[in-house]
Amino acid sequence: MKTILISRPDAIGDVVLTLPMCGWLKHLLPDCRLIFLGSTYTAPVIACCEHVDDFINADTLLALPYQEQESFLRAKSIDIVIHVLPHKAIAKLAYSAGIPLRVGTRNRWFHWRTCNKLVALSRKNSDLHESQLNLQLLKGIGINSFPAFEEVHRYTGFASIAPLPAWAQELLDQRQPGKLNIILHPKSRGSAREWSLQHYGELARLLHRQGHQVFVTGTAKEGDLIRNWLQEHADFVQDMTGRFELSEFISFTGAADGIVAASTGALHLVAVAGGHALGIYVPMRPLHPGRWAPIGEHADFLVKPIACQDCRKRPESCHCIAEISPAMAMSKINGWHGQ
């Protein structure tokens, strides 16, 4: 049995789109032991993946004296490390800890010194989706066949979701018969171009008019940023910003019917949990949906397929994302009934 370490101490969306790598490895090597090296912040996300056998907290590990870091990794008896996120300190540690096979990309100079298997992989110029790019790194251990993109979401293994707190379930249960619980997640912590609050407000009114329950989620800090907007729309939305720990947020988004958001972690969580996930995107590389679309049976997105130079020059007033109307989003949501 091989022990394989997947290293990606990164943000939520990045981690979610790495989970299919874990599922594909378990599909091909069912007896392997998978360890995921992630951050404190994303630990609850990784805990939901049924394919991961063990978790290493990169923040805790790298805070130890260096010799203790080495000893810790050696004690795990790791055979292979795959550096999905290039990280100089972790690459050096894996090398000094004597992990036999160390896989990284060719375009990071420190991988030439610390890895003994280099994969030619350029994310910037590729037409592949992020989940597919992650799978390409498995070529470093001799795996050269991969699922079709339409099948990738089936390997996330996002099944170990904690029960929803009773108080949150009570809120969801208040919806009218035949209506939906829909989450609007306006902010993205700077990870994506965002739809305007004006558009989110108009969509909230349209949803409320049809009798759906609308919840606005985000961190406490994000809630403060949109406080005035939340107060102006208090008749149409329920403010849930800052009310969840991440594990609770995962449970809440998994229990709701769907979400509308930019290309952010919340969107990807709902998609892999099997909910309706409608992403709002710009066509600009590398932010376009070809690279970062949500993956899931009910994942979808809206994008204006135009060459919009405002994406780069004036992101705060980009025409291509402004032209995605609330009515267009409403049309997508109307198709969620019965699915």
Protein backbone atom coordinates (compact mmCIF):
# COMPACT_ATOMS: atom_id res chain seq x y z
CA MET A 1 0.00 0.00 0.00
CA LYS A 2 1.40 3.38 -1.05
CA THR A 3 1.02 6.49 1.08
CA ILE A 4 0.48 9.57 -1.08
CA LEU A 5 0.60 13.14 0.18
CA ILE A 6 -1.42 15.77 -1.72
CA SER A 7 -0.09 19.22 -0.88
CA ARG A 8 -2.42 22.18 -1.42
CA PRO A 9 -2.47 24.65 1.51
CA ASP A 10 -4.66 27.04 -0.45
CA ALA A 11 -8.11 28.64 -0.54
CA ILE A 12 -11.48 26.86 -0.46
CA GLY A 13 -12.21 26.81 -4.19
CA ASP A 14 -8.69 25.63 -5.00
CA VAL A 15 -8.99 22.78 -2.50
CA VAL A 16 -12.43 21.75 -3.74
CA LEU A 17 -11.12 21.48 -7.29
CA THR A 18 -8.25 19.30 -6.05
CA LEU A 19 -10.55 16.71 -4.47
CA PRO A 20 -11.20 14.90 -7.79
CA MET A 21 -7.50 14.02 -7.78
CA CYS A 22 -8.07 12.19 -4.52
CA GLY A 23 -11.07 10.35 -5.90
CA TRP A 24 -9.29 9.35 -9.10
CA LEU A 25 -6.33 8.02 -7.13
CA LYS A 26 -8.65 5.91 -4.96
CA HIS A 27 -10.41 4.71 -8.11
CA LEU A 28 -7.17 3.51 -9.68
CA LEU A 29 -5.31 2.59 -6.47
CA PRO A 30 -8.02 1.58 -3.99
CA ASP A 31 -5.50 0.39 -1.40
CA CYS A 32 -3.46 3.59 -1.32
CA ARG A 33 -3.45 5.83 1.74
CA LEU A 34 -4.14 9.48 0.98
CA ILE A 35 -2.96 12.33 3.18
CA PHE A 36 -3.99 15.91 2.40
CA LEU A 37 -1.70 18.74 3.46
CA GLY A 38 -3.92 21.81 3.80
CA SER A 39 -4.40 24.96 5.81
CA THR A 40 -6.26 25.56 9.05
CA TYR A 41 -8.90 27.47 7.14
CA THR A 42 -9.72 24.67 4.69
CA ALA A 43 -9.52 21.75 7.15
CA PRO A 44 -13.35 21.49 7.40
CA VAL A 45 -13.57 21.23 3.60
CA ILE A 46 -11.03 18.42 3.45
CA ALA A 47 -12.83 16.64 6.31
CA CYS A 48 -15.87 16.29 4.02
CA CYS A 49 -13.94 14.23 1.46
CA GLU A 50 -14.43 10.50 1.96
CA HIS A 51 -11.31 9.73 -0.07
CA VAL A 52 -8.88 11.43 2.34
CA ASP A 53 -7.50 9.14 5.04
CA ASP A 54 -5.47 11.68 7.02
CA PHE A 55 -4.97 15.44 7.24
CA ILE A 56 -1.85 17.45 7.98
CA ASN A 57 -2.26 21.07 9.00
CA ALA A 58 0.41 23.01 7.10
CA ASP A 59 0.14 26.00 9.43
CA THR A 60 0.83 23.85 12.49
CA LEU A 61 3.56 21.85 10.75
CA LEU A 62 5.52 24.85 9.47
CA ALA A 63 5.37 26.51 12.90
CA LEU A 64 7.45 23.68 14.40
CA PRO A 65 11.26 23.80 14.64
CA TYR A 66 12.65 22.49 11.36
CA GLN A 67 13.98 19.21 12.74
CA GLU A 68 10.57 18.48 14.24
CA GLN A 69 8.97 19.18 10.87
CA GLU A 70 11.26 16.59 9.28
CA SER A 71 10.60 14.06 12.03
CA PHE A 72 6.85 14.55 11.71
CA LEU A 73 6.86 13.85 7.98
CA ARG A 74 9.22 10.90 8.30
CA ALA A 75 6.89 9.33 10.85
CA LYS A 76 4.08 9.38 8.29
CA SER A 77 6.05 6.98 6.02
CA ILE A 78 5.03 8.89 2.90
CA ASP A 79 6.03 7.30 -0.41
CA ILE A 80 4.91 10.06 -2.78
CA VAL A 81 4.24 13.78 -2.47
CA ILE A 82 2.40 15.72 -5.18
CA HIS A 83 2.87 19.47 -4.93
CA VAL A 84 -0.42 20.70 -6.38
CA LEU A 85 0.28 24.18 -5.00
CA PRO A 86 3.96 25.09 -5.47
CA HIS A 87 5.22 26.04 -2.01
CA LYS A 88 8.93 26.57 -1.55
CA ALA A 89 9.12 25.69 2.15
CA ILE A 90 6.99 22.54 1.79
CA ALA A 91 8.94 21.40 -1.28
CA LYS A 92 12.20 21.79 0.63
CA LEU A 93 10.76 19.95 3.63
CA ALA A 94 9.54 17.00 1.55
CA TYR A 95 13.02 16.73 0.04
CA SER A 96 14.87 16.87 3.37
CA ALA A 97 12.39 14.45 4.97
CA GLY A 98 13.40 11.88 2.37
CA ILE A 99 10.06 11.27 0.68
CA PRO A 100 11.12 8.96 -2.17
CA LEU A 101 9.03 10.36 -5.05
CA ARG A 102 8.41 14.11 -5.17
CA VAL A 103 6.26 15.48 -8.00
CA GLY A 104 6.10 19.14 -9.00
CA THR A 105 5.75 21.35 -12.06
CA ARG A 106 8.71 22.23 -14.26
CA ASN A 107 8.04 25.96 -14.20
CA ARG A 108 9.02 26.54 -10.56
CA TRP A 109 12.77 26.80 -10.11
CA PHE A 110 12.73 25.39 -6.57
CA HIS A 111 11.08 22.21 -7.87
CA TRP A 112 14.20 21.56 -9.94
CA ARG A 113 16.15 21.38 -6.69
CA THR A 114 13.60 19.57 -4.51
CA CYS A 115 11.55 17.30 -6.81
CA ASN A 116 12.74 14.23 -8.69
CA LYS A 117 9.76 14.07 -11.07
CA LEU A 118 8.82 17.20 -13.00
CA VAL A 119 5.61 17.57 -15.00
CA ALA A 120 5.34 20.08 -17.85
CA LEU A 121 2.26 22.04 -16.85
CA SER A 122 1.41 25.66 -17.62
CA ARG A 123 -1.79 26.72 -15.91
CA LYS A 124 -1.63 30.26 -17.30
CA ASN A 125 -1.81 29.24 -20.96
CA SER A 126 -3.85 26.05 -20.74
CA ASP A 127 -7.40 25.56 -21.98
CA LEU A 128 -8.04 22.93 -19.30
CA HIS A 129 -10.22 23.44 -16.26
CA GLU A 130 -8.47 23.77 -12.89
CA SER A 131 -9.67 20.31 -11.82
CA GLN A 132 -8.22 18.83 -15.02
CA LEU A 133 -4.93 20.66 -14.54
CA ASN A 134 -4.62 19.16 -11.08
CA LEU A 135 -5.19 15.68 -12.48
CA GLN A 136 -2.41 16.23 -15.02
CA LEU A 137 0.10 16.18 -12.16
CA LEU A 138 -0.63 12.47 -11.74
CA LYS A 139 1.45 11.92 -14.86
CA GLY A 140 4.37 12.27 -12.47
CA ILE A 141 3.48 8.92 -10.91
CA GLY A 142 2.70 7.18 -14.21
CA ILE A 143 -1.04 7.84 -14.42
CA ASN A 144 -1.92 9.01 -17.92
CA SER A 145 -5.65 8.35 -18.23
CA PHE A 146 -8.20 10.72 -16.74
CA PRO A 147 -11.98 11.05 -16.58
CA ALA A 148 -13.76 13.28 -19.06
CA PHE A 149 -14.46 16.73 -17.69
CA GLU A 150 -18.19 15.95 -17.49
CA GLU A 151 -17.34 13.09 -15.12
CA VAL A 152 -14.74 14.84 -12.93
CA HIS A 153 -17.25 15.94 -10.28
CA ARG A 154 -18.12 12.30 -9.58
CA TYR A 155 -14.71 11.83 -7.96
CA THR A 156 -14.86 14.62 -5.37
CA GLY A 157 -16.14 12.31 -2.64
CA PHE A 158 -17.77 15.27 -0.93
CA ALA A 159 -20.06 13.16 1.21
CA SER A 160 -19.02 13.47 4.88
CA ILE A 161 -20.98 16.63 5.65
CA ALA A 162 -21.84 17.37 9.28
CA PRO A 163 -25.51 17.66 10.33
CA LEU A 164 -26.96 21.14 10.07
CA PRO A 165 -27.51 22.95 13.41
CA ALA A 166 -31.15 22.85 14.46
CA TRP A 167 -31.57 26.63 14.43
CA ALA A 168 -30.39 26.82 10.81
CA GLN A 169 -32.60 23.91 9.75
CA GLU A 170 -35.58 25.69 11.27
CA LEU A 171 -34.89 28.69 9.03
CA LEU A 172 -34.79 26.52 5.93
CA ASP A 173 -37.98 24.75 6.97
CA GLN A 174 -39.87 28.04 6.91
CA ARG A 175 -40.02 28.12 3.13
CA GLN A 176 -43.39 27.81 1.49
CA PRO A 177 -44.37 24.50 -0.15
CA GLY A 178 -42.97 24.26 -3.64
CA LYS A 179 -40.60 27.18 -3.12
CA LEU A 180 -36.81 27.28 -2.84
CA ASN A 181 -34.18 28.26 -0.28
CA ILE A 182 -31.69 30.31 -2.29
CA ILE A 183 -28.36 31.74 -1.14
CA LEU A 184 -26.89 34.93 -2.53
CA HIS A 185 -23.17 35.29 -1.82
CA PRO A 186 -22.20 38.74 -3.15
CA LYS A 187 -18.56 38.98 -2.04
CA SER A 188 -15.53 36.86 -2.94
CA ARG A 189 -12.69 37.97 -0.66
CA GLY A 190 -10.98 39.35 -3.74
CA SER A 191 -10.79 35.99 -5.54
CA ALA A 192 -13.07 36.96 -8.44
CA ARG A 193 -14.79 39.77 -10.27
CA GLU A 194 -18.08 40.43 -8.53
CA TRP A 195 -21.59 41.09 -9.78
CA SER A 196 -22.91 44.43 -8.57
CA LEU A 197 -24.93 44.78 -5.37
CA GLN A 198 -27.56 46.49 -7.48
CA HIS A 199 -27.99 43.31 -9.53
CA TYR A 200 -28.06 41.13 -6.43
CA GLY A 201 -30.71 43.42 -4.97
CA GLU A 202 -32.89 43.20 -8.05
CA LEU A 203 -32.52 39.41 -8.11
CA ALA A 204 -33.49 39.25 -4.42
CA ARG A 205 -36.67 41.19 -5.21
CA LEU A 206 -37.53 38.87 -8.09
CA LEU A 207 -36.99 35.80 -5.93
CA HIS A 208 -38.98 37.22 -3.04
CA ARG A 209 -41.82 38.12 -5.40
CA GLN A 210 -42.06 34.45 -6.42
CA GLY A 211 -42.19 33.36 -2.77
CA HIS A 212 -38.68 31.94 -2.42
CA GLN A 213 -36.60 32.38 0.74
CA VAL A 214 -33.41 34.34 0.14
CA PHE A 215 -30.37 34.15 2.42
CA VAL A 216 -27.30 36.35 2.07
CA THR A 217 -24.08 34.71 3.27
CA GLY A 218 -20.50 35.81 3.77
CA THR A 219 -17.97 36.42 6.48
CA ALA A 220 -18.57 38.93 9.26
CA LYS A 221 -16.17 41.32 7.54
CA GLU A 222 -18.05 40.96 4.26
CA GLY A 223 -21.29 41.60 6.10
CA ASP A 224 -19.87 44.88 7.40
CA LEU A 225 -18.90 45.87 3.86
CA ILE A 226 -22.46 45.47 2.61
CA ARG A 227 -24.27 46.49 5.81
CA ASN A 228 -26.16 49.38 4.23
CA TRP A 229 -27.25 47.18 1.32
CA LEU A 230 -28.44 44.48 3.73
CA GLN A 231 -30.50 47.01 5.66
CA GLU A 232 -32.02 48.39 2.46
CA HIS A 233 -33.05 44.87 1.40
CA ALA A 234 -34.14 43.56 4.79
CA ASP A 235 -37.66 42.90 3.46
CA PHE A 236 -36.33 40.56 0.77
CA VAL A 237 -33.33 38.75 2.32
CA GLN A 238 -32.23 37.19 5.57
CA ASP A 239 -28.77 38.28 6.68
CA MET A 240 -26.63 35.24 7.51
CA THR A 241 -23.23 36.95 7.24
CA GLY A 242 -20.83 36.06 10.02
CA ARG A 243 -23.20 33.52 11.58
CA PHE A 244 -21.43 30.30 10.61
CA GLU A 245 -18.21 28.49 11.28
CA LEU A 246 -16.96 26.97 8.03
CA SER A 247 -18.20 23.46 8.87
CA GLU A 248 -21.66 24.90 9.62
CA PHE A 249 -21.57 26.95 6.43
CA ILE A 250 -20.84 23.81 4.43
CA SER A 251 -23.84 22.11 6.05
CA PHE A 252 -26.08 25.12 5.39
CA THR A 253 -25.11 25.48 1.75
CA GLY A 254 -25.53 21.74 1.28
CA ALA A 255 -29.06 21.85 2.72
CA ALA A 256 -30.21 24.87 0.70
CA ASP A 257 -31.49 24.46 -2.85
CA GLY A 258 -28.93 26.61 -4.59
CA ILE A 259 -26.61 29.58 -4.66
CA VAL A 260 -25.79 32.54 -6.89
CA ALA A 261 -22.24 33.80 -6.47
CA ALA A 262 -19.05 34.84 -8.18
CA SER A 263 -16.24 32.34 -8.69
CA THR A 264 -15.61 31.85 -5.00
CA GLY A 265 -15.33 29.04 -2.47
CA ALA A 266 -19.00 29.11 -1.52
CA LEU A 267 -20.04 28.48 -5.13
CA HIS A 268 -17.72 25.47 -5.44
CA LEU A 269 -18.87 24.02 -2.11
CA VAL A 270 -22.52 24.05 -3.17
CA ALA A 271 -21.68 22.53 -6.55
CA VAL A 272 -19.77 19.53 -5.18
CA ALA A 273 -22.39 19.01 -2.46
CA GLY A 274 -24.90 18.43 -5.26
CA GLY A 275 -26.82 21.71 -5.05
CA HIS A 276 -27.64 24.18 -7.79
CA ALA A 277 -24.64 26.47 -8.19
CA LEU A 278 -24.96 29.43 -10.55
CA GLY A 279 -21.69 31.29 -11.04
CA ILE A 280 -21.38 34.81 -12.44
CA TYR A 281 -18.19 35.13 -14.50
CA VAL A 282 -16.15 37.42 -16.71
CA PRO A 283 -14.69 36.05 -19.98
CA MET A 284 -11.15 37.21 -19.18
CA ARG A 285 -8.38 34.67 -18.75
CA PRO A 286 -7.56 33.24 -16.26
CA LEU A 287 -10.80 34.15 -14.46
CA HIS A 288 -13.11 32.73 -17.13
CA PRO A 289 -15.41 29.72 -16.48
CA GLY A 290 -13.32 27.54 -18.78
CA ARG A 291 -10.77 27.53 -15.98
CA TRP A 292 -12.87 28.06 -12.83
CA ALA A 293 -16.46 26.97 -13.49
CA PRO A 294 -18.08 25.05 -10.62
CA ILE A 295 -18.19 21.28 -11.05
CA GLY A 296 -21.25 19.28 -10.09
CA GLU A 297 -24.38 17.67 -11.44
CA HIS A 298 -26.27 20.96 -11.07
CA ALA A 299 -23.41 23.39 -11.64
CA ASP A 300 -23.94 26.22 -14.11
CA PHE A 301 -22.66 29.68 -14.95
CA LEU A 302 -23.44 32.89 -16.77
CA VAL A 303 -20.84 34.75 -18.82
CA LYS A 304 -20.95 37.21 -21.71
CA PRO A 305 -18.74 35.65 -24.41
CA ILE A 306 -17.23 38.91 -25.59
CA ALA A 307 -13.74 40.37 -25.74
CA CYS A 308 -14.19 42.85 -22.91
CA GLN A 309 -11.04 44.90 -22.29
CA ASP A 310 -12.70 46.65 -19.35
CA CYS A 311 -12.14 43.43 -17.37
CA ARG A 312 -8.46 44.35 -17.11
CA LYS A 313 -8.62 48.14 -17.27
CA ARG A 314 -11.63 48.94 -15.05
CA PRO A 315 -12.73 45.87 -13.09
CA GLU A 316 -15.05 47.96 -10.93
CA SER A 317 -17.14 48.94 -13.98
CA CYS A 318 -16.69 46.06 -16.38
CA HIS A 319 -19.40 45.96 -19.06
CA CYS A 320 -19.36 42.21 -19.62
CA ILE A 321 -20.37 41.29 -16.08
CA ALA A 322 -22.76 44.25 -15.78
CA GLU A 323 -24.61 42.99 -18.85
CA ILE A 324 -25.47 39.75 -17.08
CA SER A 325 -28.92 40.77 -15.91
CA PRO A 326 -30.87 39.58 -12.87
CA ALA A 327 -33.52 38.38 -15.34
CA MET A 328 -30.94 36.06 -16.91
CA ALA A 329 -30.13 34.61 -13.50
CA MET A 330 -33.83 34.32 -12.70
CA SER A 331 -34.36 32.34 -15.90
CA LYS A 332 -31.74 29.83 -14.77
CA ILE A 333 -33.22 29.57 -11.27
CA ASN A 334 -36.71 28.94 -12.67
CA GLY A 335 -35.27 25.78 -14.18
CA TRP A 336 -34.24 24.44 -10.78
CA HIS A 337 -37.74 23.27 -9.84
CA GLY A 338 -38.08 19.52 -9.91
CA GLN A 339 -34.37 18.86 -10.38
